Amino acid sequence: MQPSLRFRLPTFTALIVLPLLALPLLALPLLALPLLALGGEARADEVKPELWDGQRALAVITELLRFTPRSMETPGHQKTIDYIKAELAKTKFNAVQEQRFVFSRDDGNRMAITNIIARLKPDDPHRIIVATHYDSIIKAYRDAKKPNAPMPGANNSSSGVAVLLETARVLSELPEPPTGIDLVFFDGEEGSISMGAGDPNFRPVGSAYFAEHLKDFYPAKMPEKAIDFDMVCDRDLHLKMEPTSLASAGDEVKKFWTIGKELAPDAFEMRPSPYAIDDDHSFLQQAGIPSFIVIDFEYEPFYNTTQDTIDKCSARSLEAVGRTLVKYLYQQ
């Protein structure tokens, strides 16, 4: 990487409405709100973002670190896929699909890539993509002492996976959000040789393929927006608005940051970052989907070293991001 709420009356509405016809007309407005509350979707003011638990999210990161190294074509990579799918199976995001393909590298080697897509309200044509990547780099190339050692990747990339899995759990306990949601776990964000910025020809692979094949998942209508999460558990979390995100989805960025500033004022800064960042959201932007990234790229001296470990992560930082996301998803 580089530096309207809609309510639906239940099927038994007629059993309730018919007796109401005998009531005085003045009484009907008073009864309207309880009737609407019978629908399956929550009002934005009913959502409780505090259900999102930072300790649970930390536990996800701890579990993922057990599979290190998790770079492509390692046993830990497949264990990560299996773990994500098993956790999703416990939630309402149990309509899970895998997008598998083979990527041919410049050196002639072929890499198996797997994107994971989990859908809530799969029949709703109005959809939001909430994305992250789960692959990690093959070695801690920026580590001054151990550049060839496996990189744990607590922040890069486990934190994004933790945000999505804990969000899946929380949304499964709440009434349906007003739009369909697709959780997308991208593979190959660190490039075809799993080295990220350590590869001079670095380019995310999984999200590029996904963006080129959007019709496989959205044959009739494109997603209305997308959010990408990466490196969001830093204890000293400072989230700035990324410039390409502002250009692509400025109103959505400002909405997300306004919510974040209310819930976690120390974590969200209402100003742009000084540089653009290429990440999975970039390919969604190029495909015409208004997309933005939530990332704290300032992670020195731990970035892509052996020191990217669980002790650098904070439950409070994860809650700042996750609770903001939950509230945002119900304000569509």
Protein backbone atom coordinates (compact mmCIF):
# COMPACT_ATOMS: atom_id res chain seq x y z
CA MET A 1 0.00 0.00 0.00
CA GLN A 2 1.05 3.57 -0.59
CA PRO A 3 1.91 6.43 1.28
CA SER A 4 -34.37 6.99 4.76
CA LEU A 5 -35.03 4.47 7.04
CA ARG A 6 -37.27 1.93 5.36
CA PHE A 7 -39.80 0.00 7.39
CA ARG A 8 -41.63 -3.15 6.35
CA LEU A 9 -44.92 -4.19 7.87
CA PRO A 10 -45.02 -7.86 8.82
CA THR A 11 -47.27 -10.33 7.03
CA PHE A 12 -49.76 -10.29 9.86
CA THR A 13 -50.32 -6.51 9.60
CA ALA A 14 -53.86 -6.99 8.32
CA LEU A 15 -54.84 -8.70 11.56
CA ILE A 16 -53.78 -5.57 13.42
CA VAL A 17 -54.93 -2.91 11.00
CA LEU A 18 -58.52 -4.11 10.48
CA PRO A 19 -59.58 -3.54 14.10
CA LEU A 20 -57.99 -0.12 13.96
CA LEU A 21 -60.49 0.97 11.33
CA ALA A 22 -63.10 1.16 14.05
CA LEU A 23 -60.99 3.58 16.15
CA PRO A 24 -61.32 7.36 15.94
CA LEU A 25 -59.09 8.88 13.28
CA LEU A 26 -57.27 10.98 15.88
CA ALA A 27 -56.00 7.82 17.52
CA LEU A 28 -54.36 6.48 14.40
CA PRO A 29 -51.28 8.73 14.37
CA LEU A 30 -50.51 7.67 17.93
CA LEU A 31 -50.59 4.04 16.85
CA ALA A 32 -48.49 4.49 13.75
CA LEU A 33 -45.10 4.34 15.44
CA PRO A 34 -45.75 1.08 17.31
CA LEU A 35 -46.94 -0.44 14.05
CA LEU A 36 -43.76 0.60 12.26
CA ALA A 37 -41.67 -0.79 15.07
CA LEU A 38 -43.05 -4.22 14.24
CA GLY A 39 -40.94 -4.26 11.06
CA GLY A 40 -37.62 -6.09 10.84
CA GLU A 41 -35.38 -3.04 10.54
CA ALA A 42 -34.07 -0.91 13.39
CA ARG A 43 -34.32 2.84 13.66
CA ALA A 44 -30.93 4.54 13.78
CA ASP A 45 -31.64 5.82 17.29
CA GLU A 46 -32.37 2.27 18.48
CA VAL A 47 -28.93 0.94 17.54
CA LYS A 48 -26.59 0.33 20.45
CA PRO A 49 -23.00 0.54 19.16
CA GLU A 50 -21.70 -0.41 22.60
CA LEU A 51 -22.60 -4.00 21.77
CA TRP A 52 -19.42 -3.96 19.69
CA ASP A 53 -16.79 -5.43 22.03
CA GLY A 54 -13.12 -4.55 21.65
CA GLN A 55 -12.01 -7.48 23.80
CA ARG A 56 -13.78 -9.90 21.46
CA ALA A 57 -12.04 -8.24 18.53
CA LEU A 58 -8.68 -8.59 20.29
CA ALA A 59 -9.44 -12.29 20.75
CA VAL A 60 -9.87 -12.60 16.98
CA ILE A 61 -6.43 -11.08 16.45
CA THR A 62 -4.93 -13.44 19.03
CA GLU A 63 -6.45 -16.40 17.22
CA LEU A 64 -5.20 -15.25 13.82
CA LEU A 65 -1.66 -14.83 15.14
CA ARG A 66 -1.67 -18.52 16.00
CA PHE A 67 -1.66 -19.24 12.25
CA THR A 68 1.46 -17.16 11.48
CA PRO A 69 2.95 -17.19 8.89
CA ARG A 70 -0.31 -16.50 7.01
CA SER A 71 1.10 -15.45 3.66
CA MET A 72 -0.26 -17.06 0.51
CA GLU A 73 0.46 -20.74 -0.06
CA THR A 74 1.38 -21.42 3.56
CA PRO A 75 -0.60 -23.69 5.91
CA GLY A 76 -1.50 -20.62 7.99
CA HIS A 77 -3.12 -18.96 4.99
CA GLN A 78 -5.61 -21.81 4.57
CA LYS A 79 -6.19 -21.95 8.32
CA THR A 80 -7.07 -18.27 8.18
CA ILE A 81 -9.62 -18.91 5.43
CA ASP A 82 -11.13 -21.77 7.42
CA TYR A 83 -11.27 -19.67 10.59
CA ILE A 84 -13.00 -16.72 8.88
CA LYS A 85 -15.62 -19.01 7.34
CA ALA A 86 -16.21 -20.81 10.64
CA GLU A 87 -16.75 -17.52 12.48
CA LEU A 88 -19.11 -16.22 9.80
CA ALA A 89 -21.13 -19.44 10.06
CA LYS A 90 -22.03 -18.41 13.63
CA THR A 91 -23.65 -15.20 12.37
CA LYS A 92 -26.40 -14.10 10.00
CA PHE A 93 -23.68 -13.54 7.39
CA ASN A 94 -23.85 -17.23 6.60
CA ALA A 95 -24.44 -16.81 2.85
CA VAL A 96 -20.71 -17.18 2.20
CA GLN A 97 -19.11 -17.47 -1.22
CA GLU A 98 -15.50 -17.96 -2.26
CA GLN A 99 -14.07 -16.30 -5.33
CA ARG A 100 -11.14 -18.47 -6.35
CA PHE A 101 -8.73 -17.80 -9.20
CA VAL A 102 -5.10 -18.39 -10.13
CA PHE A 103 -2.75 -15.46 -10.61
CA SER A 104 0.29 -15.82 -12.86
CA ARG A 105 3.30 -13.96 -11.49
CA ASP A 106 5.96 -12.27 -13.55
CA ASP A 107 8.42 -15.05 -12.70
CA GLY A 108 6.06 -17.66 -14.17
CA ASN A 109 4.88 -19.05 -10.84
CA ARG A 110 1.14 -19.32 -10.28
CA MET A 111 -0.60 -18.29 -7.05
CA ALA A 112 -3.97 -19.52 -5.82
CA ILE A 113 -6.07 -16.57 -4.59
CA THR A 114 -9.28 -16.75 -2.56
CA ASN A 115 -11.58 -13.82 -1.83
CA ILE A 116 -14.32 -14.46 0.75
CA ILE A 117 -17.71 -12.75 0.38
CA ALA A 118 -20.37 -12.96 3.10
CA ARG A 119 -23.78 -11.40 2.55
CA LEU A 120 -26.52 -10.07 4.82
CA LYS A 121 -29.93 -9.51 3.21
CA PRO A 122 -28.65 -10.97 -0.07
CA ASP A 123 -31.87 -10.13 -1.94
CA ASP A 124 -31.72 -6.42 -1.14
CA PRO A 125 -30.59 -4.53 -4.29
CA HIS A 126 -29.22 -1.67 -2.17
CA ARG A 127 -25.79 -2.87 -1.00
CA ILE A 128 -22.72 -1.64 0.86
CA ILE A 129 -19.35 -3.38 0.70
CA VAL A 130 -17.41 -3.53 3.97
CA ALA A 131 -13.95 -4.86 3.16
CA THR A 132 -10.52 -5.75 4.50
CA HIS A 133 -7.66 -8.06 3.55
CA TYR A 134 -6.62 -11.17 5.45
CA ASP A 135 -3.33 -12.14 3.79
CA SER A 136 -0.08 -11.12 5.46
CA ILE A 137 3.41 -10.46 4.14
CA ILE A 138 5.81 -13.37 3.84
CA LYS A 139 8.62 -11.85 5.93
CA ALA A 140 9.32 -8.87 8.16
CA TYR A 141 11.46 -7.14 5.53
CA ARG A 142 11.56 -3.82 7.44
CA ASP A 143 12.89 -5.39 10.61
CA ALA A 144 16.46 -4.20 11.27
CA LYS A 145 17.42 -7.38 13.16
CA LYS A 146 15.24 -10.11 11.63
CA PRO A 147 14.24 -9.09 8.08
CA ASN A 148 13.67 -12.72 7.03
CA ALA A 149 11.51 -13.70 10.01
CA PRO A 150 7.73 -14.15 9.67
CA MET A 151 5.78 -10.92 10.24
CA PRO A 152 3.04 -11.46 12.89
CA GLY A 153 0.71 -8.84 11.42
CA ALA A 154 -1.45 -8.03 14.42
CA ASN A 155 -2.26 -4.61 12.97
CA ASN A 156 -1.47 -5.37 9.32
CA SER A 157 -3.70 -7.39 8.55
CA SER A 158 -5.44 -9.03 11.52
CA SER A 159 -7.06 -5.84 12.79
CA GLY A 160 -9.27 -5.45 9.72
CA VAL A 161 -10.42 -9.06 9.94
CA ALA A 162 -11.25 -8.52 13.62
CA VAL A 163 -13.34 -5.45 12.76
CA LEU A 164 -15.38 -7.32 10.17
CA LEU A 165 -15.94 -10.47 12.23
CA GLU A 166 -16.99 -8.59 15.36
CA THR A 167 -19.27 -6.41 13.23
CA ALA A 168 -20.85 -9.57 11.77
CA ARG A 169 -21.55 -10.80 15.30
CA VAL A 170 -23.10 -7.51 16.43
CA LEU A 171 -25.26 -7.05 13.33
CA SER A 172 -26.57 -10.57 13.87
CA GLU A 173 -27.89 -9.51 17.29
CA LEU A 174 -29.55 -6.33 16.00
CA PRO A 175 -32.60 -5.86 13.79
CA GLU A 176 -31.81 -5.75 10.08
CA PRO A 177 -29.94 -2.67 8.83
CA PRO A 178 -31.64 -0.57 6.14
CA THR A 179 -29.44 -1.91 3.31
CA GLY A 180 -27.81 -5.17 2.30
CA ILE A 181 -24.24 -5.57 3.47
CA ASP A 182 -21.43 -7.56 1.88
CA LEU A 183 -18.40 -8.35 4.01
CA VAL A 184 -15.49 -8.92 1.64
CA PHE A 185 -12.22 -10.41 2.85
CA PHE A 186 -9.66 -9.82 0.11
CA ASP A 187 -6.70 -12.09 -0.52
CA GLY A 188 -3.41 -10.96 -2.03
CA GLU A 189 -3.50 -7.32 -0.87
CA GLU A 190 0.20 -7.60 -0.12
CA GLY A 191 0.94 -8.40 -3.75
CA SER A 192 1.63 -11.53 -5.72
CA ILE A 193 4.74 -12.44 -3.72
CA SER A 194 3.23 -11.41 -0.37
CA MET A 195 5.78 -8.69 0.32
CA GLY A 196 3.74 -5.52 0.14
CA ALA A 197 5.93 -2.44 -0.18
CA GLY A 198 8.98 -4.73 -0.08
CA ASP A 199 8.14 -5.64 -3.67
CA PRO A 200 9.00 -2.85 -6.15
CA ASN A 201 6.19 -4.13 -8.39
CA PHE A 202 3.67 -4.29 -5.55
CA ARG A 203 0.02 -4.34 -6.60
CA PRO A 204 -2.96 -5.82 -4.72
CA VAL A 205 -4.26 -8.90 -6.48
CA GLY A 206 -7.53 -10.05 -4.90
CA SER A 207 -9.35 -6.70 -4.96
CA ALA A 208 -8.23 -6.03 -8.54
CA TYR A 209 -9.78 -9.31 -9.67
CA PHE A 210 -12.94 -8.71 -7.64
CA ALA A 211 -13.38 -5.27 -9.21
CA GLU A 212 -12.92 -6.73 -12.70
CA HIS A 213 -15.61 -9.36 -12.02
CA LEU A 214 -18.23 -7.34 -10.16
CA LYS A 215 -20.99 -8.74 -12.38
CA ASP A 216 -20.42 -12.15 -10.76
CA PHE A 217 -21.93 -10.75 -7.55
CA TYR A 218 -23.84 -7.69 -8.77
CA PRO A 219 -25.42 -8.64 -12.10
CA ALA A 220 -28.20 -6.05 -11.97
CA LYS A 221 -27.10 -3.18 -9.74
CA MET A 222 -23.71 -1.99 -8.53
CA PRO A 223 -22.99 -1.55 -4.82
CA GLU A 224 -23.82 1.95 -3.69
CA LYS A 225 -20.62 2.45 -1.66
CA ALA A 226 -17.69 0.63 -0.11
CA ILE A 227 -15.57 0.95 3.04
CA ASP A 228 -12.15 -0.64 3.43
CA PHE A 229 -10.45 -1.23 6.79
CA ASP A 230 -6.72 -1.73 7.30
CA MET A 231 -4.35 -1.14 10.25
CA VAL A 232 -6.90 0.06 12.82
CA CYS A 233 -5.85 -1.41 16.18
CA ASP A 234 -2.86 0.84 16.97
CA ARG A 235 -2.86 1.91 20.61
CA ASP A 236 -2.10 5.46 19.47
CA LEU A 237 -4.85 5.59 16.85
CA HIS A 238 -5.14 8.74 14.72
CA LEU A 239 -7.48 8.37 11.76
CA LYS A 240 -7.30 11.04 9.07
CA MET A 241 -9.40 11.31 5.91
CA GLU A 242 -7.52 9.79 2.98
CA PRO A 243 -7.41 12.10 -0.10
CA THR A 244 -8.61 9.66 -2.79
CA SER A 245 -11.41 8.65 -0.44
CA LEU A 246 -12.53 12.26 -0.17
CA ALA A 247 -12.47 12.54 -3.96
CA SER A 248 -14.44 9.32 -4.45
CA ALA A 249 -16.91 9.41 -1.54
CA GLY A 250 -16.49 12.72 0.23
CA ASP A 251 -19.95 12.88 1.80
CA GLU A 252 -19.63 9.32 3.12
CA VAL A 253 -16.18 9.99 4.55
CA LYS A 254 -17.45 13.06 6.36
CA LYS A 255 -20.47 11.16 7.67
CA PHE A 256 -18.27 8.34 8.99
CA TRP A 257 -15.76 10.74 10.57
CA THR A 258 -18.52 12.84 12.14
CA ILE A 259 -19.93 9.74 13.83
CA GLY A 260 -16.44 8.67 14.84
CA LYS A 261 -15.66 12.08 16.31
CA GLU A 262 -18.78 11.86 18.46
CA LEU A 263 -18.00 8.35 19.72
CA ALA A 264 -14.20 8.49 19.94
CA PRO A 265 -12.94 12.08 19.62
CA ASP A 266 -9.30 11.14 20.29
CA ALA A 267 -9.18 8.63 17.44
CA PHE A 268 -10.75 10.63 14.60
CA GLU A 269 -9.18 13.77 13.15
CA MET A 270 -11.35 15.97 10.96
CA ARG A 271 -8.62 16.66 8.42
CA PRO A 272 -7.11 14.86 5.43
CA SER A 273 -3.94 12.83 5.61
CA PRO A 274 -0.95 14.43 3.84
CA TYR A 275 -0.65 11.62 1.28
CA ALA A 276 -2.81 9.28 -0.76
CA ILE A 277 -2.84 5.54 -0.02
CA ASP A 278 -3.20 2.76 -2.56
CA ASP A 279 -5.08 -0.17 -1.06
CA ASP A 280 -7.99 -2.46 -1.87
CA HIS A 281 -10.39 0.49 -1.98
CA SER A 282 -8.47 1.90 -4.96
CA PHE A 283 -9.75 -0.80 -7.34
CA LEU A 284 -13.33 -0.35 -6.14
CA GLN A 285 -12.99 3.36 -6.84
CA GLN A 286 -11.70 2.62 -10.34
CA ALA A 287 -14.71 0.36 -10.91
CA GLY A 288 -17.03 3.31 -10.22
CA ILE A 289 -18.05 2.48 -6.64
CA PRO A 290 -17.77 5.45 -4.23
CA SER A 291 -15.22 4.00 -1.80
CA PHE A 292 -13.13 5.09 1.15
CA ILE A 293 -10.52 3.62 3.45
CA VAL A 294 -10.22 3.77 7.24
CA ILE A 295 -6.53 3.39 8.08
CA ASP A 296 -3.84 4.73 10.39
CA PHE A 297 -0.74 4.30 8.25
CA GLU A 298 1.50 5.94 10.85
CA TYR A 299 2.69 2.81 12.61
CA GLU A 300 6.38 3.30 13.13
CA PRO A 301 8.59 1.66 14.23
CA PHE A 302 6.48 -1.52 14.08
CA TYR A 303 5.20 -1.46 10.49
CA ASN A 304 6.01 -4.76 8.73
CA THR A 305 8.46 -5.85 11.40
CA THR A 306 8.48 -8.68 13.91
CA GLN A 307 7.14 -6.13 16.42
CA ASP A 308 3.67 -5.95 14.87
CA THR A 309 2.28 -7.97 17.77
CA ILE A 310 -0.84 -8.08 19.94
CA ASP A 311 0.62 -5.80 22.61
CA LYS A 312 0.60 -2.96 20.05
CA CYS A 313 -3.17 -3.31 19.71
CA SER A 314 -5.88 -1.69 21.78
CA ALA A 315 -9.44 -2.81 22.47
CA ARG A 316 -10.36 0.86 22.79
CA SER A 317 -9.01 1.65 19.31
CA LEU A 318 -10.89 -1.28 17.83
CA GLU A 319 -14.09 -0.15 19.54
CA ALA A 320 -13.64 3.37 18.18
CA VAL A 321 -13.65 1.97 14.65
CA GLY A 322 -16.16 -0.85 15.09
CA ARG A 323 -18.78 1.15 16.95
CA THR A 324 -18.52 3.95 14.42
CA LEU A 325 -19.05 1.41 11.64
CA VAL A 326 -22.17 -0.05 13.28
CA LYS A 327 -23.75 3.36 13.77
CA TYR A 328 -22.81 4.40 10.23
CA LEU A 329 -24.43 1.31 8.70
CA TYR A 330 -27.76 2.18 10.33
CA GLN A 331 -27.69 5.77 9.07
CA GLN A 332 -28.16 4.93 5.40
